[in-house]
């Protein structure tokens, strides 16, 4: 049975809990060099720094041989299709592919047609499973629970695969989720909270990047206007609960979503999220490439 990781909706709470537990063991130094016989290809058809290279670090720590695909110097420039590119890597003997693409649910072109695991590193505006898992890991480390934790996701909700993935899984885990931000970025499927109330009542303030590259038209708000209305400043941080934390999937626009002095303030866990991403991605690779019986032992 091929063990893909495409969207967190496919995973039970029990499976998610298992992945988080294995990631914690990876953080403690376990499972180094246990996949030395495996080759993985990172196929990023959309630009990425944190996701791409934390997968790369995770793969190296597991002892894997790694191929980092460059679309700009590939046969895509000669007209080769997305499907044929992935199929080529399978034919070459790759054991798994990590894929990011701008198209929603790109993996539907591959399912049933390739016989190696696919780990989704982000598709369009739909899902980003490894990012949500590293967010969950960071929250669990802070609060030692998910039940009753209140989260406000602030910013460009409508274009955010992080928001869409996070809110679904967080609510399944018993967290209370709200959104905030400009009207044009809202998603009516979620509960709205105004920023002032969110700052005073939430346990987690999760900021989102304004995704200019996904907008069909310019926002009515300039960057300065957005920062004035919704940007997280030290003055706004002072209104947060004592033990509340700040998350951001990054990359972040300094002095738009948050000011320079907030990025590494005492409540910020942004770089901790990045570190945790390596361990979550180690766990996902182990889940996809170990046999079911081996995975159960972990």
Protein backbone atom coordinates (compact mmCIF):
# COMPACT_ATOMS: atom_id res chain seq x y z
CA UNK A 1 0.00 0.00 0.00
CA UNK A 2 1.40 3.40 -1.03
CA UNK A 3 1.39 5.86 1.88
CA UNK A 4 0.93 9.30 0.39
CA UNK A 5 0.54 12.47 2.43
CA UNK A 6 -1.73 14.71 0.39
CA UNK A 7 -4.07 16.47 2.82
CA UNK A 8 -4.62 16.28 6.56
CA UNK A 9 -8.34 15.60 6.03
CA UNK A 10 -7.23 12.14 4.92
CA UNK A 11 -5.54 11.45 8.27
CA UNK A 12 -7.31 10.46 11.48
CA UNK A 13 -6.57 12.17 14.78
CA UNK A 14 -4.77 8.97 15.80
CA UNK A 15 -2.51 9.17 12.73
CA UNK A 16 -1.80 12.85 13.30
CA UNK A 17 -0.94 12.17 16.94
CA UNK A 18 1.45 9.43 15.83
CA UNK A 19 3.24 11.74 13.38
CA UNK A 20 3.64 14.40 16.08
CA UNK A 21 5.03 11.83 18.51
CA UNK A 22 7.58 10.56 15.98
CA UNK A 23 8.57 14.15 15.17
CA UNK A 24 9.29 14.76 18.87
CA UNK A 25 11.53 11.69 18.90
CA UNK A 26 13.32 13.02 15.81
CA UNK A 27 13.85 16.29 17.66
CA UNK A 28 15.46 14.32 20.48
CA UNK A 29 17.94 12.85 17.99
CA UNK A 30 16.26 9.57 17.08
CA UNK A 31 16.09 7.93 13.64
CA UNK A 32 19.21 9.46 12.10
CA UNK A 33 20.40 7.61 8.99
CA UNK A 34 17.63 5.00 8.96
CA UNK A 35 16.74 5.53 5.27
CA UNK A 36 20.21 5.31 3.71
CA UNK A 37 18.95 2.98 0.99
CA UNK A 38 16.30 5.44 -0.24
CA UNK A 39 16.40 8.14 -2.92
CA UNK A 40 13.98 11.07 -2.85
CA UNK A 41 13.28 13.79 -5.40
CA UNK A 42 12.14 17.23 -4.32
CA UNK A 43 10.02 18.54 -7.19
CA UNK A 44 9.21 22.17 -6.46
CA UNK A 45 7.36 23.66 -9.41
CA UNK A 46 6.67 26.76 -7.28
CA UNK A 47 9.35 28.76 -5.42
CA UNK A 48 10.01 27.86 -1.78
CA UNK A 49 12.72 28.29 0.83
CA UNK A 50 11.55 26.94 4.21
CA UNK A 51 9.48 24.00 2.94
CA UNK A 52 11.93 22.95 0.23
CA UNK A 53 15.09 23.11 2.26
CA UNK A 54 13.65 21.80 5.52
CA UNK A 55 12.56 18.73 3.54
CA UNK A 56 16.12 18.65 2.21
CA UNK A 57 17.60 18.80 5.73
CA UNK A 58 15.12 16.18 6.95
CA UNK A 59 16.11 13.85 4.10
CA UNK A 60 19.81 14.35 4.78
CA UNK A 61 19.34 13.60 8.49
CA UNK A 62 17.57 10.37 7.57
CA UNK A 63 20.56 9.47 5.40
CA UNK A 64 18.67 9.62 2.12
CA UNK A 65 20.12 10.46 -1.25
CA UNK A 66 18.47 13.66 -2.44
CA UNK A 67 17.71 15.08 -5.88
CA UNK A 68 16.57 18.71 -5.98
CA UNK A 69 14.74 19.35 -9.22
CA UNK A 70 15.14 22.74 -10.96
CA UNK A 71 12.18 23.51 -13.27
CA UNK A 72 14.09 26.32 -14.99
CA UNK A 73 16.77 23.95 -16.32
CA UNK A 74 14.51 20.97 -16.99
CA UNK A 75 12.66 19.60 -20.01
CA UNK A 76 9.61 21.57 -18.88
CA UNK A 77 11.27 24.35 -20.87
CA UNK A 78 10.97 22.11 -23.94
CA UNK A 79 7.27 21.45 -23.39
CA UNK A 80 7.38 18.35 -21.21
CA UNK A 81 4.25 17.98 -19.08
CA UNK A 82 4.02 17.93 -15.29
CA UNK A 83 2.89 14.29 -15.40
CA UNK A 84 5.73 13.17 -17.66
CA UNK A 85 8.27 14.93 -15.45
CA UNK A 86 7.09 13.07 -12.34
CA UNK A 87 6.77 9.80 -14.26
CA UNK A 88 10.36 10.20 -15.43
CA UNK A 89 11.66 10.33 -11.86
CA UNK A 90 9.67 7.24 -10.99
CA UNK A 91 11.17 5.46 -14.00
CA UNK A 92 14.67 6.41 -12.82
CA UNK A 93 14.10 4.51 -9.57
CA UNK A 94 13.22 7.26 -7.10
CA UNK A 95 11.60 5.93 -3.92
CA UNK A 96 9.42 8.98 -3.14
CA UNK A 97 8.62 12.45 -4.44
CA UNK A 98 8.01 15.64 -2.50
CA UNK A 99 5.98 17.98 -4.71
CA UNK A 100 4.82 21.60 -4.58
CA UNK A 101 2.75 23.06 -7.39
CA UNK A 102 0.57 26.12 -8.00
CA UNK A 103 -2.37 23.99 -9.14
CA UNK A 104 -4.99 22.90 -6.62
CA UNK A 105 -4.90 19.12 -6.08
CA UNK A 106 -2.21 18.58 -8.72
CA UNK A 107 -1.78 15.07 -7.34
CA UNK A 108 -5.04 13.92 -8.95
CA UNK A 109 -3.06 13.73 -12.21
CA UNK A 110 -0.74 11.18 -10.58
CA UNK A 111 -2.88 8.98 -8.34
CA UNK A 112 -3.20 5.46 -9.67
CA UNK A 113 -0.56 6.18 -12.31
CA UNK A 114 2.66 6.21 -10.26
CA UNK A 115 3.65 3.61 -7.70
CA UNK A 116 5.77 5.67 -5.29
CA UNK A 117 4.65 7.84 -2.36
CA UNK A 118 3.76 11.48 -2.94
CA UNK A 119 4.27 13.95 -0.12
CA UNK A 120 2.40 17.17 -0.79
CA UNK A 121 4.57 20.21 -0.03
CA UNK A 122 1.73 22.58 -0.92
CA UNK A 123 -0.88 22.72 -3.68
CA UNK A 124 -2.41 25.95 -4.93
CA UNK A 125 -4.56 27.49 -2.21
CA UNK A 126 -5.85 24.13 -0.93
CA UNK A 127 -3.52 22.20 1.38
CA UNK A 128 -0.15 22.37 3.11
CA UNK A 129 -0.09 19.34 5.42
CA UNK A 130 3.49 19.54 6.66
CA UNK A 131 3.13 23.24 7.55
CA UNK A 132 0.00 22.56 9.58
CA UNK A 133 1.69 19.67 11.37
CA UNK A 134 4.67 21.80 12.36
CA UNK A 135 2.26 24.47 13.62
CA UNK A 136 0.49 21.81 15.71
CA UNK A 137 3.82 20.57 17.06
CA UNK A 138 4.76 24.11 18.11
CA UNK A 139 1.39 24.70 19.79
CA UNK A 140 1.53 21.35 21.61
CA UNK A 141 5.00 22.15 22.95
CA UNK A 142 3.71 25.46 24.34
CA UNK A 143 0.39 24.38 25.86
CA UNK A 144 0.73 20.58 26.18
CA UNK A 145 -2.81 20.27 24.81
CA UNK A 146 -5.02 21.26 21.91
CA UNK A 147 -8.37 21.19 23.70
CA UNK A 148 -9.80 24.67 24.20
CA UNK A 149 -6.84 26.55 22.72
CA UNK A 150 -8.10 29.66 20.91
CA UNK A 151 -6.50 30.63 17.62
CA UNK A 152 -6.98 33.69 15.43
CA UNK A 153 -5.67 33.46 11.86
CA UNK A 154 -5.11 37.00 10.61
CA UNK A 155 -4.58 38.23 7.07
CA UNK A 156 -4.95 36.82 3.58
CA UNK A 157 -7.30 33.92 4.41
CA UNK A 158 -8.82 33.42 0.97
CA UNK A 159 -5.47 32.72 -0.74
CA UNK A 160 -3.91 30.73 2.11
CA UNK A 161 -3.50 26.96 1.93
CA UNK A 162 -2.07 27.22 5.46
CA UNK A 163 -5.32 28.73 6.80
CA UNK A 164 -7.52 26.22 5.00
CA UNK A 165 -5.51 23.23 6.24
CA UNK A 166 -4.96 24.54 9.76
CA UNK A 167 -8.51 25.51 10.63
CA UNK A 168 -9.93 22.12 9.60
CA UNK A 169 -7.46 20.06 11.61
CA UNK A 170 -7.35 22.42 14.59
CA UNK A 171 -11.11 22.26 15.00
CA UNK A 172 -10.99 18.45 14.80
CA UNK A 173 -8.47 18.55 17.65
CA UNK A 174 -10.79 20.65 19.82
CA UNK A 175 -9.32 24.09 19.23
CA UNK A 176 -11.43 27.23 18.66
CA UNK A 177 -10.50 28.97 15.41
CA UNK A 178 -11.36 32.44 14.15
CA UNK A 179 -10.26 34.63 11.27
CA UNK A 180 -9.55 38.34 11.09
CA UNK A 181 -8.33 40.84 8.52
CA UNK A 182 -9.56 42.90 5.57
CA UNK A 183 -12.96 42.07 4.12
CA UNK A 184 -11.51 41.22 0.69
CA UNK A 185 -9.34 38.48 2.22
CA UNK A 186 -12.06 36.83 4.33
CA UNK A 187 -13.54 33.37 3.78
CA UNK A 188 -17.19 33.23 4.80
CA UNK A 189 -16.81 29.59 5.85
CA UNK A 190 -15.04 30.66 9.05
CA UNK A 191 -15.93 32.62 12.19
CA UNK A 192 -14.76 36.24 12.16
CA UNK A 193 -13.27 38.13 15.12
CA UNK A 194 -12.09 41.74 15.16
CA UNK A 195 -8.40 42.29 15.74
CA UNK A 196 -8.75 44.13 19.06
CA UNK A 197 -10.78 41.28 20.57
CA UNK A 198 -8.44 38.66 19.13
CA UNK A 199 -5.38 40.24 20.73
CA UNK A 200 -6.98 40.19 24.18
CA UNK A 201 -8.59 36.73 24.08
CA UNK A 202 -6.62 34.37 21.82
CA UNK A 203 -3.90 31.93 22.88
CA UNK A 204 -2.36 31.89 19.40
CA UNK A 205 -2.14 34.77 16.95
CA UNK A 206 -1.26 33.30 13.56
CA UNK A 207 -0.31 35.86 10.95
CA UNK A 208 -0.43 35.20 7.21
CA UNK A 209 1.60 36.72 4.42
CA UNK A 210 -0.21 39.00 2.01
CA UNK A 211 0.20 36.92 -1.15
CA UNK A 212 0.58 39.57 -3.82
CA UNK A 213 1.47 36.94 -6.43
CA UNK A 214 -1.96 35.29 -6.08
CA UNK A 215 -4.04 38.46 -6.31
CA UNK A 216 -5.83 39.14 -9.56
CA UNK A 217 -6.10 42.82 -8.68
CA UNK A 218 -4.41 45.06 -6.20
CA UNK A 219 -5.82 45.27 -2.69
CA UNK A 220 -7.66 48.42 -1.81
CA UNK A 221 -5.16 48.78 1.02
CA UNK A 222 -1.56 49.83 0.54
CA UNK A 223 1.14 48.00 2.54
CA UNK A 224 1.35 50.94 4.95
CA UNK A 225 -2.41 50.99 5.38
CA UNK A 226 -2.47 47.24 6.02
CA UNK A 227 0.25 47.53 8.64
CA UNK A 228 -1.57 50.38 10.35
CA UNK A 229 -4.87 48.47 10.44
CA UNK A 230 -3.75 44.86 10.98
CA UNK A 231 0.01 44.70 11.40
CA UNK A 232 1.32 43.26 14.66
CA UNK A 233 3.38 45.88 16.50
CA UNK A 234 4.90 45.77 19.97
CA UNK A 235 2.04 47.98 21.15
CA UNK A 236 -0.44 45.34 19.96
CA UNK A 237 1.69 42.49 21.33
CA UNK A 238 1.39 44.14 24.77
CA UNK A 239 -2.38 43.55 24.61
CA UNK A 240 -1.98 39.78 24.20
CA UNK A 241 -2.50 37.28 27.02
CA UNK A 242 0.60 36.55 29.11
CA UNK A 243 1.18 33.07 27.68
CA UNK A 244 -0.13 33.75 24.17
CA UNK A 245 2.22 33.13 21.24
CA UNK A 246 2.72 34.45 17.71
CA UNK A 247 3.03 32.16 14.69
CA UNK A 248 3.65 32.88 11.01
CA UNK A 249 4.25 30.28 8.26
CA UNK A 250 6.67 32.67 6.52
CA UNK A 251 8.02 34.17 4.40
CA UNK A 252 6.86 37.28 6.22
CA UNK A 253 6.67 40.81 4.92
CA UNK A 254 8.44 42.88 7.56
CA UNK A 255 6.55 46.02 8.55
CA UNK A 256 3.41 44.81 6.80
CA UNK A 257 2.08 41.77 8.69
CA UNK A 258 4.39 42.43 11.62
CA UNK A 259 6.95 45.01 12.55
CA UNK A 260 10.68 44.29 12.67
CA UNK A 261 10.76 44.27 16.46
CA UNK A 262 7.98 41.67 16.69
CA UNK A 263 9.65 39.02 14.49
CA UNK A 264 11.89 37.81 17.33
CA UNK A 265 10.07 39.21 20.35
CA UNK A 266 9.46 37.04 23.43
CA UNK A 267 6.06 35.83 22.22
CA UNK A 268 7.21 34.97 18.71
CA UNK A 269 7.70 31.31 17.84
CA UNK A 270 8.33 31.89 14.14
CA UNK A 271 11.85 30.46 14.01
CA UNK A 272 10.87 27.64 16.37
CA UNK A 273 8.20 26.71 13.79
CA UNK A 274 10.92 26.51 11.14
CA UNK A 275 13.07 24.23 13.30
CA UNK A 276 10.10 21.99 14.05
CA UNK A 277 9.45 21.72 10.32
CA UNK A 278 12.55 19.57 9.90
CA UNK A 279 11.33 17.03 12.48
CA UNK A 280 7.78 16.91 11.12
CA UNK A 281 9.12 16.29 7.63
CA UNK A 282 11.42 13.55 8.93
CA UNK A 283 8.34 11.90 10.44
CA UNK A 284 6.37 12.18 7.19
CA UNK A 285 9.20 10.63 5.20
CA UNK A 286 9.46 7.78 7.69
CA UNK A 287 5.71 7.21 7.50
CA UNK A 288 5.79 7.06 3.69
CA UNK A 289 8.90 4.91 3.30
CA UNK A 290 8.82 2.47 6.20
CA UNK A 291 6.63 -0.60 6.03
CA UNK A 292 3.44 -0.42 8.08
CA UNK A 293 4.86 -2.82 10.66
CA UNK A 294 8.10 -0.81 10.96
CA UNK A 295 6.17 2.47 11.27
CA UNK A 296 4.06 1.03 14.08
CA UNK A 297 7.24 0.30 16.06
CA UNK A 298 8.26 3.95 15.84
